[in-house]
């Protein structure tokens, strides 16, 4: 589980919960917001394009919807910064 260095992420009960469940914790470097910039951008897009528009009514619906959205984001959603290709299409453009 990756987080910033907020006080609640450093609290022993919080860290113990992860240890009990076998989850490794990592934190971004102190004062370096760029560590999380890419994933924060993706989560903002996910919330704007999926969560706020569909409002899933159960955890199962949320899980299935996020799975479908991640597939859409990687395989179909085009990005101008990637020359109008999806991330997977951009990665594969020179392999054919």
C-alpha atoms as a PDB file:
ATOM      1  CA  UNK A   1       0.000   0.000   0.000  1.00  0.00           C
ATOM      2  CA  UNK A   2       1.579   3.243  -1.108  1.00  0.00           C
ATOM      3  CA  UNK A   3       0.850   6.520   0.650  1.00  0.00           C
ATOM      4  CA  UNK A   4       2.326   9.880   1.421  1.00  0.00           C
ATOM      5  CA  UNK A   5       3.886  10.520   4.837  1.00  0.00           C
ATOM      6  CA  UNK A   6       0.735  11.828   6.499  1.00  0.00           C
ATOM      7  CA  UNK A   7       0.627  11.343  10.268  1.00  0.00           C
ATOM      8  CA  UNK A   8      -2.186   8.773  10.123  1.00  0.00           C
ATOM      9  CA  UNK A   9      -0.157   6.547   7.773  1.00  0.00           C
ATOM     10  CA  UNK A  10       2.704   6.526  10.304  1.00  0.00           C
ATOM     11  CA  UNK A  11       0.542   5.603  13.317  1.00  0.00           C
ATOM     12  CA  UNK A  12       1.453   2.249  14.849  1.00  0.00           C
ATOM     13  CA  UNK A  13      -2.123   0.824  14.878  1.00  0.00           C
ATOM     14  CA  UNK A  14      -2.441   1.599  11.157  1.00  0.00           C
ATOM     15  CA  UNK A  15       0.918   0.005  10.375  1.00  0.00           C
ATOM     16  CA  UNK A  16       0.099  -3.002  12.574  1.00  0.00           C
ATOM     17  CA  UNK A  17      -3.126  -3.575  10.626  1.00  0.00           C
ATOM     18  CA  UNK A  18      -1.095  -3.920   7.426  1.00  0.00           C
ATOM     19  CA  UNK A  19       1.461  -6.196   9.071  1.00  0.00           C
ATOM     20  CA  UNK A  20      -1.302  -8.490  10.383  1.00  0.00           C
ATOM     21  CA  UNK A  21      -2.646  -8.847   6.861  1.00  0.00           C
ATOM     22  CA  UNK A  22       0.727  -9.311   5.178  1.00  0.00           C
ATOM     23  CA  UNK A  23       0.519  -5.986   3.305  1.00  0.00           C
ATOM     24  CA  UNK A  24       3.763  -4.140   2.613  1.00  0.00           C
ATOM     25  CA  UNK A  25       3.626  -0.409   3.199  1.00  0.00           C
ATOM     26  CA  UNK A  26       5.626   2.147   1.256  1.00  0.00           C
ATOM     27  CA  UNK A  27       5.675   5.924   1.496  1.00  0.00           C
ATOM     28  CA  UNK A  28       6.719   8.628  -0.873  1.00  0.00           C
ATOM     29  CA  UNK A  29       9.795  10.632   0.034  1.00  0.00           C
ATOM     30  CA  UNK A  30       9.242  13.523   2.394  1.00  0.00           C
ATOM     31  CA  UNK A  31       8.338  16.719   0.570  1.00  0.00           C
ATOM     32  CA  UNK A  32       8.220  15.066  -2.868  1.00  0.00           C
ATOM     33  CA  UNK A  33       4.725  15.290  -4.302  1.00  0.00           C
ATOM     34  CA  UNK A  34       5.900  13.916  -7.649  1.00  0.00           C
ATOM     35  CA  UNK A  35       6.120  10.375  -6.242  1.00  0.00           C
ATOM     36  CA  UNK A  36       2.325  10.130  -6.345  1.00  0.00           C
ATOM     37  CA  UNK A  37       1.541  12.457  -9.258  1.00  0.00           C
ATOM     38  CA  UNK A  38       0.905   9.755 -11.863  1.00  0.00           C
ATOM     39  CA  UNK A  39      -1.447   7.638  -9.765  1.00  0.00           C
ATOM     40  CA  UNK A  40      -3.195  10.709  -8.324  1.00  0.00           C
ATOM     41  CA  UNK A  41      -3.875  11.856 -11.890  1.00  0.00           C
ATOM     42  CA  UNK A  42      -5.269   8.430 -12.800  1.00  0.00           C
ATOM     43  CA  UNK A  43      -7.499   8.318  -9.704  1.00  0.00           C
ATOM     44  CA  UNK A  44      -8.831  11.777 -10.539  1.00  0.00           C
ATOM     45  CA  UNK A  45      -9.694  10.586 -14.038  1.00  0.00           C
ATOM     46  CA  UNK A  46     -11.233   7.363 -12.695  1.00  0.00           C
ATOM     47  CA  UNK A  47     -13.453   9.309 -10.295  1.00  0.00           C
ATOM     48  CA  UNK A  48     -14.507  11.849 -12.930  1.00  0.00           C
ATOM     49  CA  UNK A  49     -15.132   9.397 -15.776  1.00  0.00           C
ATOM     50  CA  UNK A  50     -16.447   6.386 -13.882  1.00  0.00           C
ATOM     51  CA  UNK A  51     -17.319   6.781 -10.223  1.00  0.00           C
ATOM     52  CA  UNK A  52     -19.205  10.097 -10.325  1.00  0.00           C
ATOM     53  CA  UNK A  53     -21.102   9.114 -13.475  1.00  0.00           C
ATOM     54  CA  UNK A  54     -22.183   5.576 -12.595  1.00  0.00           C
ATOM     55  CA  UNK A  55     -22.621   5.614  -8.794  1.00  0.00           C
ATOM     56  CA  UNK A  56     -22.304   1.836  -8.205  1.00  0.00           C
ATOM     57  CA  UNK A  57     -24.710   0.536  -5.557  1.00  0.00           C
ATOM     58  CA  UNK A  58     -22.606  -2.326  -4.131  1.00  0.00           C
ATOM     59  CA  UNK A  59     -18.991  -3.324  -3.605  1.00  0.00           C
ATOM     60  CA  UNK A  60     -19.341  -6.014  -6.285  1.00  0.00           C
ATOM     61  CA  UNK A  61     -20.643  -3.430  -8.773  1.00  0.00           C
ATOM     62  CA  UNK A  62     -17.808  -1.057  -7.834  1.00  0.00           C
ATOM     63  CA  UNK A  63     -15.166  -3.766  -8.255  1.00  0.00           C
ATOM     64  CA  UNK A  64     -16.561  -4.865 -11.637  1.00  0.00           C
ATOM     65  CA  UNK A  65     -16.901  -1.255 -12.782  1.00  0.00           C
ATOM     66  CA  UNK A  66     -13.334  -0.330 -11.813  1.00  0.00           C
ATOM     67  CA  UNK A  67     -12.056  -3.471 -13.557  1.00  0.00           C
ATOM     68  CA  UNK A  68     -13.972  -2.559 -16.728  1.00  0.00           C
ATOM     69  CA  UNK A  69     -12.816   1.057 -16.551  1.00  0.00           C
ATOM     70  CA  UNK A  70      -9.127   0.110 -16.155  1.00  0.00           C
ATOM     71  CA  UNK A  71      -9.423  -2.143 -19.201  1.00  0.00           C
ATOM     72  CA  UNK A  72     -11.123   0.667 -21.154  1.00  0.00           C
ATOM     73  CA  UNK A  73      -8.496   3.191 -19.986  1.00  0.00           C
ATOM     74  CA  UNK A  74      -5.596   0.990 -21.068  1.00  0.00           C
ATOM     75  CA  UNK A  75      -6.979  -0.458 -24.302  1.00  0.00           C
ATOM     76  CA  UNK A  76      -9.522   1.983 -25.765  1.00  0.00           C
ATOM     77  CA  UNK A  77      -9.321   5.485 -24.265  1.00  0.00           C
ATOM     78  CA  UNK A  78      -7.140   7.609 -26.517  1.00  0.00           C
ATOM     79  CA  UNK A  79      -4.753  10.249 -25.230  1.00  0.00           C
ATOM     80  CA  UNK A  80      -3.504  13.179 -27.275  1.00  0.00           C
ATOM     81  CA  UNK A  81      -0.100  12.960 -25.539  1.00  0.00           C
ATOM     82  CA  UNK A  82       0.196   9.430 -26.955  1.00  0.00           C
ATOM     83  CA  UNK A  83      -0.443  10.564 -30.539  1.00  0.00           C
ATOM     84  CA  UNK A  84      -4.142   9.708 -30.327  1.00  0.00           C
ATOM     85  CA  UNK A  85      -3.520   6.118 -29.210  1.00  0.00           C
ATOM     86  CA  UNK A  86      -4.492   4.213 -26.088  1.00  0.00           C
ATOM     87  CA  UNK A  87      -1.659   3.386 -23.653  1.00  0.00           C
ATOM     88  CA  UNK A  88      -1.530  -0.215 -24.918  1.00  0.00           C
ATOM     89  CA  UNK A  89      -1.761   0.902 -28.550  1.00  0.00           C
ATOM     90  CA  UNK A  90       1.072   3.371 -27.988  1.00  0.00           C
ATOM     91  CA  UNK A  91       3.238   0.689 -26.386  1.00  0.00           C
ATOM     92  CA  UNK A  92       2.557  -1.742 -29.220  1.00  0.00           C
ATOM     93  CA  UNK A  93       2.817   0.723 -32.136  1.00  0.00           C
ATOM     94  CA  UNK A  94       6.267  -0.420 -33.218  1.00  0.00           C
ATOM     95  CA  UNK A  95       5.939  -4.138 -32.512  1.00  0.00           C
ATOM     96  CA  UNK A  96       3.732  -5.114 -35.461  1.00  0.00           C
END
